[in-house]
């Protein structure tokens, strides 16, 4: 399945649940650490590319 662009943190979290709890914790931690710095979509795309 090709990487998907996530439109909202909720979509990202839903997808993360499919791939396992550890992945979700890492992604939520990343979102918490970055806060509002940068464009939200860039942050989400960065999370997806880390897989």
N, C-alpha and C. Protein backbone atom coordinates (compact mmCIF):
# COMPACT_ATOMS: atom_id res chain seq x y z
N UNK A 1 0.85 -1.19 0.00
CA UNK A 1 0.00 0.00 0.00
C UNK A 1 0.88 1.25 0.00
N UNK A 2 0.68 2.16 -0.92
CA UNK A 2 1.53 3.36 -0.98
C UNK A 2 1.27 4.28 0.20
N UNK A 3 2.25 5.09 0.58
CA UNK A 3 2.04 6.03 1.68
C UNK A 3 0.88 6.97 1.38
N UNK A 4 0.14 7.31 2.40
CA UNK A 4 -1.03 8.17 2.23
C UNK A 4 -0.78 9.51 2.90
N UNK A 5 -1.33 10.57 2.34
CA UNK A 5 -1.27 11.88 2.99
C UNK A 5 -2.44 11.98 3.95
N UNK A 6 -2.13 12.22 5.22
CA UNK A 6 -3.18 12.29 6.24
C UNK A 6 -3.63 13.74 6.40
N UNK A 7 -4.95 13.93 6.38
CA UNK A 7 -5.50 15.28 6.43
C UNK A 7 -5.63 15.79 7.87
N UNK A 8 -5.82 14.89 8.83
CA UNK A 8 -6.04 15.31 10.21
C UNK A 8 -5.30 14.38 11.16
N UNK A 9 -4.96 14.86 12.36
CA UNK A 9 -4.35 13.97 13.36
C UNK A 9 -5.22 12.76 13.66
N UNK A 10 -6.54 12.92 13.59
CA UNK A 10 -7.43 11.79 13.85
C UNK A 10 -7.24 10.70 12.80
N UNK A 11 -7.10 11.09 11.54
CA UNK A 11 -6.85 10.10 10.48
C UNK A 11 -5.52 9.41 10.72
N UNK A 12 -4.52 10.19 11.10
CA UNK A 12 -3.20 9.62 11.36
C UNK A 12 -3.28 8.61 12.50
N UNK A 13 -3.99 8.98 13.56
CA UNK A 13 -4.11 8.09 14.72
C UNK A 13 -4.85 6.82 14.34
N UNK A 14 -5.88 6.96 13.52
CA UNK A 14 -6.64 5.78 13.10
C UNK A 14 -5.74 4.84 12.30
N UNK A 15 -4.95 5.39 11.40
CA UNK A 15 -4.04 4.56 10.61
C UNK A 15 -2.98 3.95 11.51
N UNK A 16 -2.49 4.71 12.47
CA UNK A 16 -1.46 4.21 13.37
C UNK A 16 -1.97 3.00 14.16
N UNK A 17 -3.24 3.04 14.56
CA UNK A 17 -3.80 1.90 15.30
C UNK A 17 -3.75 0.63 14.46
N UNK A 18 -3.89 0.77 13.14
CA UNK A 18 -3.82 -0.40 12.27
C UNK A 18 -2.42 -1.00 12.29
N UNK A 19 -1.41 -0.16 12.43
CA UNK A 19 -0.03 -0.63 12.33
C UNK A 19 0.56 -1.01 13.68
N UNK A 20 -0.18 -0.77 14.76
CA UNK A 20 0.32 -1.20 16.06
C UNK A 20 0.45 -0.05 17.05
N UNK A 21 0.30 -0.38 18.33
CA UNK A 21 0.32 0.62 19.39
C UNK A 21 1.64 1.36 19.51
N UNK A 22 2.76 0.65 19.31
CA UNK A 22 4.06 1.30 19.44
C UNK A 22 4.19 2.43 18.43
N UNK A 23 3.76 2.17 17.20
CA UNK A 23 3.82 3.19 16.17
C UNK A 23 2.99 4.40 16.58
N UNK A 24 1.81 4.14 17.10
CA UNK A 24 0.93 5.24 17.48
C UNK A 24 1.57 6.08 18.59
N UNK A 25 2.17 5.41 19.59
CA UNK A 25 2.81 6.16 20.68
C UNK A 25 3.93 7.03 20.14
N UNK A 26 4.73 6.49 19.23
CA UNK A 26 5.83 7.27 18.66
C UNK A 26 5.30 8.48 17.91
N UNK A 27 4.23 8.29 17.15
CA UNK A 27 3.68 9.39 16.36
C UNK A 27 3.07 10.45 17.27
N UNK A 28 2.34 10.04 18.29
CA UNK A 28 1.74 11.01 19.19
C UNK A 28 2.84 11.79 19.92
N UNK A 29 3.92 11.10 20.27
CA UNK A 29 5.04 11.76 20.93
C UNK A 29 5.66 12.80 20.00
N UNK A 30 5.80 12.44 18.72
CA UNK A 30 6.38 13.37 17.74
C UNK A 30 5.51 14.60 17.61
N UNK A 31 4.20 14.41 17.53
CA UNK A 31 3.28 15.55 17.41
C UNK A 31 3.39 16.44 18.65
N UNK A 32 3.49 15.83 19.82
CA UNK A 32 3.59 16.59 21.06
C UNK A 32 4.88 17.40 21.09
N UNK A 33 5.98 16.79 20.66
CA UNK A 33 7.28 17.47 20.70
C UNK A 33 7.34 18.63 19.72
N UNK A 34 6.75 18.47 18.54
CA UNK A 34 6.84 19.51 17.53
C UNK A 34 5.85 20.63 17.79
N UNK A 35 4.75 20.34 18.48
CA UNK A 35 3.76 21.35 18.78
C UNK A 35 3.25 22.03 17.52
N UNK A 36 3.24 23.35 17.52
CA UNK A 36 2.69 24.08 16.38
C UNK A 36 3.78 24.54 15.42
N UNK A 37 5.01 24.11 15.61
CA UNK A 37 6.11 24.54 14.74
C UNK A 37 5.94 23.95 13.35
N UNK A 38 6.01 24.80 12.35
CA UNK A 38 5.89 24.31 10.98
C UNK A 38 4.45 24.10 10.57
N UNK A 39 4.28 23.68 9.34
CA UNK A 39 2.94 23.45 8.79
C UNK A 39 2.46 22.08 9.25
N UNK A 40 1.23 21.97 9.77
CA UNK A 40 0.74 20.68 10.28
C UNK A 40 0.84 19.55 9.26
N UNK A 41 0.53 19.82 8.02
CA UNK A 41 0.59 18.75 7.02
C UNK A 41 2.03 18.26 6.84
N UNK A 42 3.00 19.17 6.93
CA UNK A 42 4.40 18.76 6.83
C UNK A 42 4.76 17.84 7.99
N UNK A 43 4.27 18.16 9.17
CA UNK A 43 4.54 17.30 10.33
C UNK A 43 3.98 15.91 10.11
N UNK A 44 2.74 15.83 9.63
CA UNK A 44 2.10 14.53 9.43
C UNK A 44 2.82 13.75 8.34
N UNK A 45 3.19 14.43 7.25
CA UNK A 45 3.92 13.75 6.18
C UNK A 45 5.25 13.24 6.70
N UNK A 46 5.89 13.99 7.58
CA UNK A 46 7.14 13.55 8.18
C UNK A 46 6.94 12.28 8.99
N UNK A 47 5.83 12.20 9.72
CA UNK A 47 5.55 11.00 10.50
C UNK A 47 5.40 9.79 9.59
N UNK A 48 4.67 9.97 8.51
CA UNK A 48 4.41 8.85 7.61
C UNK A 48 5.71 8.37 6.99
N UNK A 49 6.62 9.30 6.65
CA UNK A 49 7.85 8.91 5.99
C UNK A 49 8.80 8.18 6.94
N UNK A 50 8.59 8.31 8.24
CA UNK A 50 9.46 7.63 9.22
C UNK A 50 9.20 6.14 9.30
N UNK A 51 8.06 5.69 8.77
CA UNK A 51 7.69 4.28 8.89
C UNK A 51 8.79 3.37 8.39
